Protein backbone atom coordinates (compact mmCIF):
# COMPACT_ATOMS: atom_id res chain seq x y z
CA UNK A 1 25.23 254.70 63.55
CA UNK A 2 27.95 252.04 63.56
CA UNK A 3 31.40 252.83 62.15
CA UNK A 4 33.76 250.42 60.41
CA UNK A 5 36.90 251.00 58.37
CA UNK A 6 35.86 248.36 55.82
CA UNK A 7 32.39 246.92 55.28
CA UNK A 8 32.32 243.73 53.19
CA UNK A 9 28.97 242.79 51.69
CA UNK A 10 28.85 239.02 51.16
CA UNK A 11 30.38 236.18 53.14
CA UNK A 12 31.31 233.86 50.27
CA UNK A 13 34.85 233.19 49.02
CA UNK A 14 35.35 236.79 47.82
CA UNK A 15 34.14 238.37 51.05
CA UNK A 16 36.08 235.94 53.23
CA UNK A 17 39.28 236.40 51.23
CA UNK A 18 38.99 240.20 51.40
CA UNK A 19 38.34 240.18 55.16
CA UNK A 20 41.29 237.93 55.97
CA UNK A 21 43.63 239.95 53.74
CA UNK A 22 42.56 243.28 55.25
CA UNK A 23 43.01 241.97 58.79
CA UNK A 24 46.43 240.53 58.03
CA UNK A 25 47.48 243.89 56.56
CA UNK A 26 46.59 245.68 59.80
CA UNK A 27 43.00 246.90 59.32
CA UNK A 28 41.00 245.19 62.05
CA UNK A 29 37.84 247.28 62.29
CA UNK A 30 36.05 245.17 59.64
CA UNK A 31 32.58 243.68 59.33
CA UNK A 32 31.26 241.00 56.97
CA UNK A 33 27.53 241.25 56.25
CA UNK A 34 25.98 237.99 55.00
CA UNK A 35 22.27 237.37 54.29
CA UNK A 36 22.51 233.59 54.80
CA UNK A 37 22.77 231.88 58.17
CA UNK A 38 26.36 230.74 57.61
CA UNK A 39 29.53 231.88 55.88
CA UNK A 40 30.97 230.21 52.79
CA UNK A 41 28.49 231.22 50.11
CA UNK A 42 27.97 228.82 47.21
CA UNK A 43 31.00 226.75 48.23
CA UNK A 44 28.99 225.04 50.97
CA UNK A 45 27.00 223.10 48.35
CA UNK A 46 29.98 222.39 46.05
CA UNK A 47 31.04 219.11 47.65
CA UNK A 48 33.11 217.96 44.64
CA UNK A 49 36.88 218.39 44.65
CA UNK A 50 39.07 220.55 42.41
CA UNK A 51 39.26 223.67 44.59
CA UNK A 52 42.45 225.19 45.98
CA UNK A 53 45.02 223.88 43.50
CA UNK A 54 46.45 227.38 43.02
CA UNK A 55 45.72 228.89 46.42
CA UNK A 56 46.73 225.99 48.69
CA UNK A 57 48.60 223.71 46.23
CA UNK A 58 46.25 220.87 47.16
CA UNK A 59 42.88 219.58 46.03
CA UNK A 60 39.98 220.48 48.30
CA UNK A 61 36.20 220.30 48.21
CA UNK A 62 34.20 223.55 48.25
CA UNK A 63 33.34 223.36 51.98
CA UNK A 64 36.98 222.57 52.83
CA UNK A 65 38.18 225.58 50.84
CA UNK A 66 35.67 227.88 52.55
CA UNK A 67 36.52 226.48 55.98
CA UNK A 68 40.20 227.49 55.60
CA UNK A 69 39.05 231.13 55.50
CA UNK A 70 36.19 230.76 58.00
CA UNK A 71 38.71 229.40 60.53
CA UNK A 72 40.88 232.51 60.05
CA UNK A 73 37.89 234.84 60.37
CA UNK A 74 37.03 233.17 63.68
CA UNK A 75 40.65 233.10 64.84
CA UNK A 76 41.09 236.83 64.11
CA UNK A 77 37.75 237.72 65.69
CA UNK A 78 36.52 239.55 62.60
CA UNK A 79 32.99 240.92 63.08
CA UNK A 80 30.35 238.96 61.18
CA UNK A 81 26.65 239.77 60.82
CA UNK A 82 24.74 236.70 59.61
CA UNK A 83 21.13 236.61 58.43
CA UNK A 84 21.49 240.32 57.71
CA UNK A 85 20.20 241.87 54.50
CA UNK A 86 21.74 245.03 53.08
CA UNK A 87 18.95 247.27 51.86
CA UNK A 88 20.90 250.16 50.42
CA UNK A 89 24.36 251.60 49.81
CA UNK A 90 24.81 255.33 49.26
CA UNK A 91 27.61 257.03 47.27
CA UNK A 92 28.97 258.49 50.54
CA UNK A 93 29.43 254.91 51.84
CA UNK A 94 26.48 254.66 54.22
CA UNK A 95 25.16 251.09 54.42
CA UNK A 96 21.56 250.48 55.49
CA UNK A 97 20.85 246.90 56.62
CA UNK A 98 18.26 244.90 58.54
CA UNK A 99 18.17 241.76 60.67
CA UNK A 100 15.86 240.26 63.28
CA UNK A 101 18.07 241.31 66.20
CA UNK A 102 18.82 245.00 65.55
CA UNK A 103 16.02 245.78 63.10
CA UNK A 104 16.98 248.42 60.54
CA UNK A 105 20.37 250.04 61.19
CA UNK A 106 23.03 252.06 59.37
CA UNK A 107 26.81 251.76 59.12
CA UNK A 108 29.29 254.43 58.09
CA UNK A 109 32.13 252.77 56.14
CA UNK A 110 35.59 254.06 55.36
CA UNK A 111 35.48 251.77 52.32
CA UNK A 112 33.03 249.17 51.01
CA UNK A 113 33.91 245.92 49.25
CA UNK A 114 31.12 244.41 47.15
CA UNK A 115 31.27 240.60 47.23
CA UNK A 116 27.65 239.59 46.65
CA UNK A 117 28.38 236.88 44.09
CA UNK A 118 25.94 235.99 41.33
CA UNK A 119 22.64 234.24 40.70
CA UNK A 120 21.44 231.83 38.04
CA UNK A 121 19.52 232.82 34.94
CA UNK A 122 16.02 231.26 35.25
CA UNK A 123 13.64 229.79 32.67
CA UNK A 124 11.89 233.13 32.21
CA UNK A 125 15.10 234.71 30.91
CA UNK A 126 15.38 232.25 28.00
CA UNK A 127 11.67 231.98 27.16
CA UNK A 128 11.30 228.28 26.38
CA UNK A 129 7.81 227.56 25.01
CA UNK A 130 5.61 224.92 26.61
CA UNK A 131 3.70 224.20 29.79
CA UNK A 132 4.78 225.02 33.34
CA UNK A 133 4.93 221.68 35.14
CA UNK A 134 6.97 220.71 38.20
CA UNK A 135 10.44 219.38 37.48
CA UNK A 136 12.10 222.45 35.95
CA UNK A 137 14.91 223.84 38.08
CA UNK A 138 18.28 225.54 37.83
CA UNK A 139 21.50 223.59 38.23
CA UNK A 140 22.37 225.38 41.47
CA UNK A 141 18.98 224.55 42.97
CA UNK A 142 19.41 220.90 41.96
CA UNK A 143 22.89 220.96 43.50
CA UNK A 144 21.51 222.26 46.79
CA UNK A 145 18.72 219.65 46.84
CA UNK A 146 21.14 216.77 46.29
CA UNK A 147 24.19 217.88 48.27
CA UNK A 148 22.62 219.72 51.23
CA UNK A 149 18.98 218.68 51.51
CA UNK A 150 19.34 215.04 50.51
CA UNK A 151 16.68 215.03 47.77
CA UNK A 152 16.97 213.58 44.27
CA UNK A 153 15.10 216.03 41.99
CA UNK A 154 14.36 213.47 39.27
CA UNK A 155 15.19 210.11 37.71
CA UNK A 156 15.34 210.84 33.97
CA UNK A 157 17.02 214.16 33.35
CA UNK A 158 17.87 216.51 30.48
CA UNK A 159 20.25 219.40 31.17
CA UNK A 160 20.02 222.55 29.06
CA UNK A 161 23.30 224.48 28.96
CA UNK A 162 26.83 223.27 29.55
CA UNK A 163 28.01 225.67 32.26
CA UNK A 164 30.27 224.20 34.91
CA UNK A 165 27.50 223.68 37.49
CA UNK A 166 25.40 221.83 34.90
CA UNK A 167 28.32 219.59 33.92
CA UNK A 168 29.13 218.81 37.54
CA UNK A 169 25.47 218.03 38.28
CA UNK A 170 25.33 215.65 35.30
CA UNK A 171 27.98 213.57 37.05
CA UNK A 172 26.51 214.02 40.51
CA UNK A 173 23.02 212.93 39.47
CA UNK A 174 24.44 209.93 37.61
CA UNK A 175 26.32 208.86 40.73
CA UNK A 176 23.07 209.14 42.71
CA UNK A 177 21.31 206.77 40.31
CA UNK A 178 19.53 209.15 37.94
CA UNK A 179 19.78 208.76 34.16
CA UNK A 180 21.08 211.93 32.49
CA UNK A 181 19.89 211.52 28.92
CA UNK A 182 21.69 214.51 27.37
CA UNK A 183 23.37 217.83 27.99
CA UNK A 184 22.02 220.23 25.34
CA UNK A 185 24.07 223.33 24.44
CA UNK A 186 22.90 226.20 22.20
CA UNK A 187 26.43 227.28 21.23
CA UNK A 188 28.85 225.28 19.03
CA UNK A 189 31.16 224.97 22.06
CA UNK A 190 30.71 224.23 25.76
CA UNK A 191 30.72 227.11 28.22
CA UNK A 192 32.36 224.94 30.89
CA UNK A 193 35.94 224.02 31.70
CA UNK A 194 37.50 221.33 29.51
CA UNK A 195 38.32 219.23 32.57
CA UNK A 196 34.64 219.19 33.54
CA UNK A 197 33.57 218.08 30.06
CA UNK A 198 36.01 215.17 30.28
CA UNK A 199 35.46 214.17 33.91
CA UNK A 200 31.70 214.76 34.13
CA UNK A 201 30.38 213.83 30.68
CA UNK A 202 32.87 211.77 28.68
CA UNK A 203 33.84 209.55 31.63
CA UNK A 204 30.15 208.71 32.17
CA UNK A 205 29.15 208.44 28.49
CA UNK A 206 26.69 211.34 28.80
CA UNK A 207 26.03 212.86 25.35
CA UNK A 208 26.83 216.55 24.81
CA UNK A 209 24.69 217.92 21.98
CA UNK A 210 26.30 221.15 20.73
CA UNK A 211 24.34 223.64 18.58
CA UNK A 212 21.06 222.27 20.01
CA UNK A 213 18.40 223.75 22.25
CA UNK A 214 15.10 222.86 23.93
CA UNK A 215 12.22 224.21 21.86
CA UNK A 216 9.31 222.89 23.94
CA UNK A 217 8.58 221.48 27.39
CA UNK A 218 5.85 218.83 27.69
CA UNK A 219 3.78 217.81 30.71
CA UNK A 220 0.93 219.10 32.86
CA UNK A 221 1.62 218.34 36.53
CA UNK A 222 5.16 217.04 36.02
CA UNK A 223 7.63 217.28 33.14
CA UNK A 224 7.02 214.36 30.76
CA UNK A 225 9.57 215.23 28.09
CA UNK A 226 11.21 217.93 26.02
CA UNK A 227 11.57 218.56 22.31
CA UNK A 228 15.06 219.56 21.20
CA UNK A 229 16.35 220.71 17.82
CA UNK A 230 19.57 221.75 16.13
CA UNK A 231 20.13 225.48 15.65
CA UNK A 232 21.61 227.32 12.68
CA UNK A 233 24.44 229.88 12.68
CA UNK A 234 21.96 232.51 13.90
CA UNK A 235 20.96 230.22 16.80
CA UNK A 236 17.48 229.75 15.34
CA UNK A 237 15.98 226.23 15.66
CA UNK A 238 15.97 224.04 12.55
CA UNK A 239 12.50 222.55 12.98
CA UNK A 240 13.13 219.57 10.66
CA UNK A 241 15.74 218.30 13.18
CA UNK A 242 13.33 218.32 16.14
CA UNK A 243 13.32 215.22 18.34
CA UNK A 244 11.46 214.30 21.51
CA UNK A 245 13.27 213.10 24.64
CA UNK A 246 11.19 211.67 27.47
CA UNK A 247 12.28 212.87 30.92
CA UNK A 248 10.81 213.89 34.27
CA UNK A 249 13.23 216.76 34.99
CA UNK A 250 14.77 219.63 33.02
CA UNK A 251 17.77 221.29 34.65
CA UNK A 252 18.85 224.73 33.41
CA UNK A 253 22.53 225.69 33.35
CA UNK A 254 22.12 228.75 31.16
CA UNK A 255 24.39 231.34 32.69
CA UNK A 256 25.03 233.39 35.79
CA UNK A 257 24.16 237.03 36.49
CA UNK A 258 26.22 239.15 38.95
CA UNK A 259 24.06 240.39 41.87
CA UNK A 260 24.26 244.14 41.34
CA UNK A 261 20.94 245.60 42.45
CA UNK A 262 22.69 247.28 45.38
CA UNK A 263 25.39 248.59 43.06
CA UNK A 264 22.80 250.19 40.77
CA UNK A 265 21.09 251.89 43.73
CA UNK A 266 24.45 253.37 44.73
CA UNK A 267 24.84 254.87 41.25
CA UNK A 268 27.67 252.54 40.27
CA UNK A 269 28.23 252.25 36.52
CA UNK A 270 27.79 248.68 35.23
CA UNK A 271 29.40 246.94 32.26
CA UNK A 272 26.63 245.73 29.90
CA UNK A 273 28.71 242.68 28.91
CA UNK A 274 29.87 241.36 32.31
CA UNK A 275 26.84 242.60 34.23
CA UNK A 276 29.28 243.71 36.94
CA UNK A 277 30.66 247.14 37.89
CA UNK A 278 33.11 248.98 35.66
CA UNK A 279 36.33 249.09 37.69
CA UNK A 280 39.81 250.58 37.49
CA UNK A 281 43.21 249.00 38.21
CA UNK A 282 42.41 249.07 41.96
CA UNK A 283 39.07 247.27 41.43
CA UNK A 284 37.42 250.52 42.47
CA UNK A 285 34.01 251.17 40.95
CA UNK A 286 32.83 254.48 39.49
CA UNK A 287 31.95 255.55 43.07
CA UNK A 288 35.11 256.38 45.07
CA UNK A 289 35.77 254.07 48.01
CA UNK A 290 33.50 251.26 46.78
CA UNK A 291 35.37 248.22 45.42
CA UNK A 292 34.18 244.97 43.80
CA UNK A 293 35.62 241.46 43.57
CA UNK A 294 34.57 237.90 42.79
CA UNK A 295 31.47 236.92 40.87
CA UNK A 296 29.72 240.23 41.53
CA UNK A 297 32.40 241.77 39.26
CA UNK A 298 32.69 239.02 36.64
CA UNK A 299 31.75 235.34 36.64
CA UNK A 300 34.85 233.25 37.40
CA UNK A 301 35.74 229.63 36.58
CA UNK A 302 38.03 229.06 39.57
CA UNK A 303 37.53 230.08 43.19
CA UNK A 304 41.31 230.53 43.49
CA UNK A 305 41.02 233.51 41.10
CA UNK A 306 38.20 234.92 43.23
CA UNK A 307 40.49 234.85 46.26
CA UNK A 308 43.30 236.58 44.35
CA UNK A 309 40.87 239.28 43.21
CA UNK A 310 39.58 239.69 46.78
CA UNK A 311 43.13 240.31 48.01
CA UNK A 312 43.58 243.10 45.49
CA UNK A 313 40.26 244.66 46.48
CA UNK A 314 41.22 244.51 50.17
CA UNK A 315 44.61 246.11 49.60
CA UNK A 316 43.02 248.82 47.45
CA UNK A 317 40.42 249.55 50.17
CA UNK A 318 43.21 249.84 52.75
CA UNK A 319 45.09 252.25 50.51
CA UNK A 320 41.93 254.30 50.04
CA UNK A 321 41.19 254.72 53.75
CA UNK A 322 44.84 255.58 54.47
CA UNK A 323 45.69 257.81 51.49
CA UNK A 324 42.35 259.05 50.13
CA UNK A 325 41.11 259.02 46.55
CA UNK A 326 43.31 257.62 43.77
CA UNK A 327 44.51 259.41 40.67
CA UNK A 328 41.80 259.41 38.02
CA UNK A 329 41.99 256.57 35.46
CA UNK A 330 43.08 258.00 32.12
CA UNK A 331 43.57 254.95 29.87
CA UNK A 332 40.55 253.07 28.49
CA UNK A 333 40.88 249.27 28.25
CA UNK A 334 38.89 247.81 25.36
CA UNK A 335 37.91 244.40 24.00
CA UNK A 336 38.94 244.07 20.34
CA UNK A 337 38.49 241.34 17.75
CA UNK A 338 37.78 237.96 19.32
CA UNK A 339 37.55 239.23 22.92
CA UNK A 340 34.18 239.58 24.67
CA UNK A 341 35.21 241.80 27.59
CA UNK A 342 38.24 242.86 29.66
CA UNK A 343 38.46 243.65 33.40
CA UNK A 344 39.55 246.22 34.54
CA UNK A 345 37.95 248.54 31.99
CA UNK A 346 40.17 251.56 32.73
CA UNK A 347 43.55 252.18 34.37
CA UNK A 348 45.94 254.82 35.63
CA UNK A 349 49.52 253.57 35.28
CA UNK A 350 50.67 255.79 38.16
CA UNK A 351 48.47 253.81 40.59
CA UNK A 352 50.06 250.48 39.61
CA UNK A 353 52.96 249.32 41.77
CA UNK A 354 54.72 246.79 39.52
CA UNK A 355 52.26 244.95 37.31
CA UNK A 356 48.56 244.32 36.82
CA UNK A 357 46.52 241.28 35.81
CA UNK A 358 43.83 241.70 33.16
CA UNK A 359 41.11 239.05 32.93
CA UNK A 360 38.99 238.42 29.84
CA UNK A 361 37.07 235.85 27.80
CA UNK A 362 37.18 235.14 24.05
CA UNK A 363 34.01 235.17 21.95
CA UNK A 364 34.78 231.83 20.28
CA UNK A 365 37.13 228.85 20.31
CA UNK A 366 40.54 229.62 18.77
CA UNK A 367 43.41 227.19 18.21
CA UNK A 368 47.04 228.31 17.82
CA UNK A 369 46.04 231.96 17.83
CA UNK A 370 47.96 235.07 18.82
CA UNK A 371 46.71 237.06 21.81
CA UNK A 372 47.76 240.68 21.25
CA UNK A 373 47.69 243.91 23.23
CA UNK A 374 47.82 247.11 21.16
CA UNK A 375 47.75 250.82 21.76
CA UNK A 376 47.01 252.54 18.47
CA UNK A 377 49.23 250.85 15.87
CA UNK A 378 51.82 249.82 18.45
CA UNK A 379 51.98 246.31 19.93
CA UNK A 380 52.54 246.20 23.69
CA UNK A 381 52.46 242.40 23.81
CA UNK A 382 51.89 239.38 21.56
CA UNK A 383 51.54 235.87 22.99
CA UNK A 384 51.01 232.58 21.18
CA UNK A 385 48.11 230.69 22.76
CA UNK A 386 47.53 227.04 21.92
CA UNK A 387 43.82 227.19 22.71
CA UNK A 388 41.37 229.89 23.72
CA UNK A 389 37.80 228.99 24.68
CA UNK A 390 34.93 231.04 26.17
CA UNK A 391 34.61 228.54 29.01
CA UNK A 392 38.06 229.38 30.39
CA UNK A 393 39.09 232.84 31.52
CA UNK A 394 42.26 234.35 30.05
CA UNK A 395 44.79 236.03 32.35
CA UNK A 396 47.29 238.54 30.97
CA UNK A 397 49.93 240.09 33.24
CA UNK A 398 51.34 243.42 32.08
CA UNK A 399 54.15 245.29 33.81
CA UNK A 400 54.03 248.98 34.62
CA UNK A 401 56.95 249.54 32.21
CA UNK A 402 54.98 248.02 29.30
CA UNK A 403 51.87 250.05 30.15
CA UNK A 404 53.85 253.31 30.17
CA UNK A 405 54.11 252.90 26.39
CA UNK A 406 50.32 253.12 25.98
CA UNK A 407 48.85 256.08 24.14
CA UNK A 408 46.41 257.91 26.44
CA UNK A 409 44.05 258.83 23.60
CA UNK A 410 44.08 255.43 21.89
CA UNK A 411 43.85 253.38 25.08
CA UNK A 412 44.68 249.67 25.23
CA UNK A 413 42.98 247.01 23.09
CA UNK A 414 43.13 243.23 23.70
CA UNK A 415 42.46 241.15 20.59
CA UNK A 416 42.86 237.71 19.02
CA UNK A 417 44.81 237.37 15.77
CA UNK A 418 44.27 234.18 13.78
CA UNK A 419 46.57 232.57 11.23
């Protein structure tokens, strides 16, 4: 059995950031386990710019951002196992993995950092009626075809869903000569960043049809068209508004799902809203010594935030292997009116050094609203926010002194107050 102080599962931006941080803080017996044949994760196919504005104070492409960390991993000589699949994690931090070189092997870890990222929601998850022709693919698959494999997946395209990858691919496919006929979004707002709506759709005159969905796919061997319709307030199609759009490709950008099959096998408690582990202020899961960061914990908008989260997970793992288990979390963190979820979901103020960052998303678009933090009837914080939208994560920093005022029985509630 191999022994490592910290085992990091996933070699994308979260895993790389955690490994570099742990090494720089003095823990050098680390291994990164990655199932792909190279490090970098999804960033390798994100060739557009806009990465690194917070982390490096400059604008980078996805591969450039990843390479900054890959260079450090190589410089520090951090152990990396590529093309290696983790089969199982146990609550006592035994990792079972397999690759073509060693076969099946086990690792005993002082601490484990989960950084497996997320996957796309496929057609089967949204149950669109119609035939099953060629030409239906997820936005990430289309991105890989165009940016890494050099294939154009279609010439006349409809995109269902307005997630960031879908918006970016609308622009990318247009630049490659395809005609993007529409981006169709079920909700009355886009689920992508405002900057991507402007730069990827409005700048290229690509229509964004809010409160619409695809109700049927047409074609036998290849997609020939789709029927779309408006939806009502219950998101049910209004059949009288149905219209046919001819196209040869339907791209799905209908959400991301954190990759937590390994977490479930380890007995880690998952949040039904985020799909990721329930964590405390140290980003520790319900199993002591196993931490989570990046898109496996919650789907992020910005890779810079993934890196910041990875640093916290690394420092928490170091503290765990040096000091042992943390004090039990005794304050519940809840999502109130207008907030979909909050991470972390529980805290112990005694474990916090100076302050802690909470991340959350609103359930709707709010303009000139008040973001409040309450414990019982007492306000811990109220902030005026010009605009809140589900497509952009909210960060709230709270100091240890503020959190000491929280009522242990009532917990902490984050909510939006309108008017």
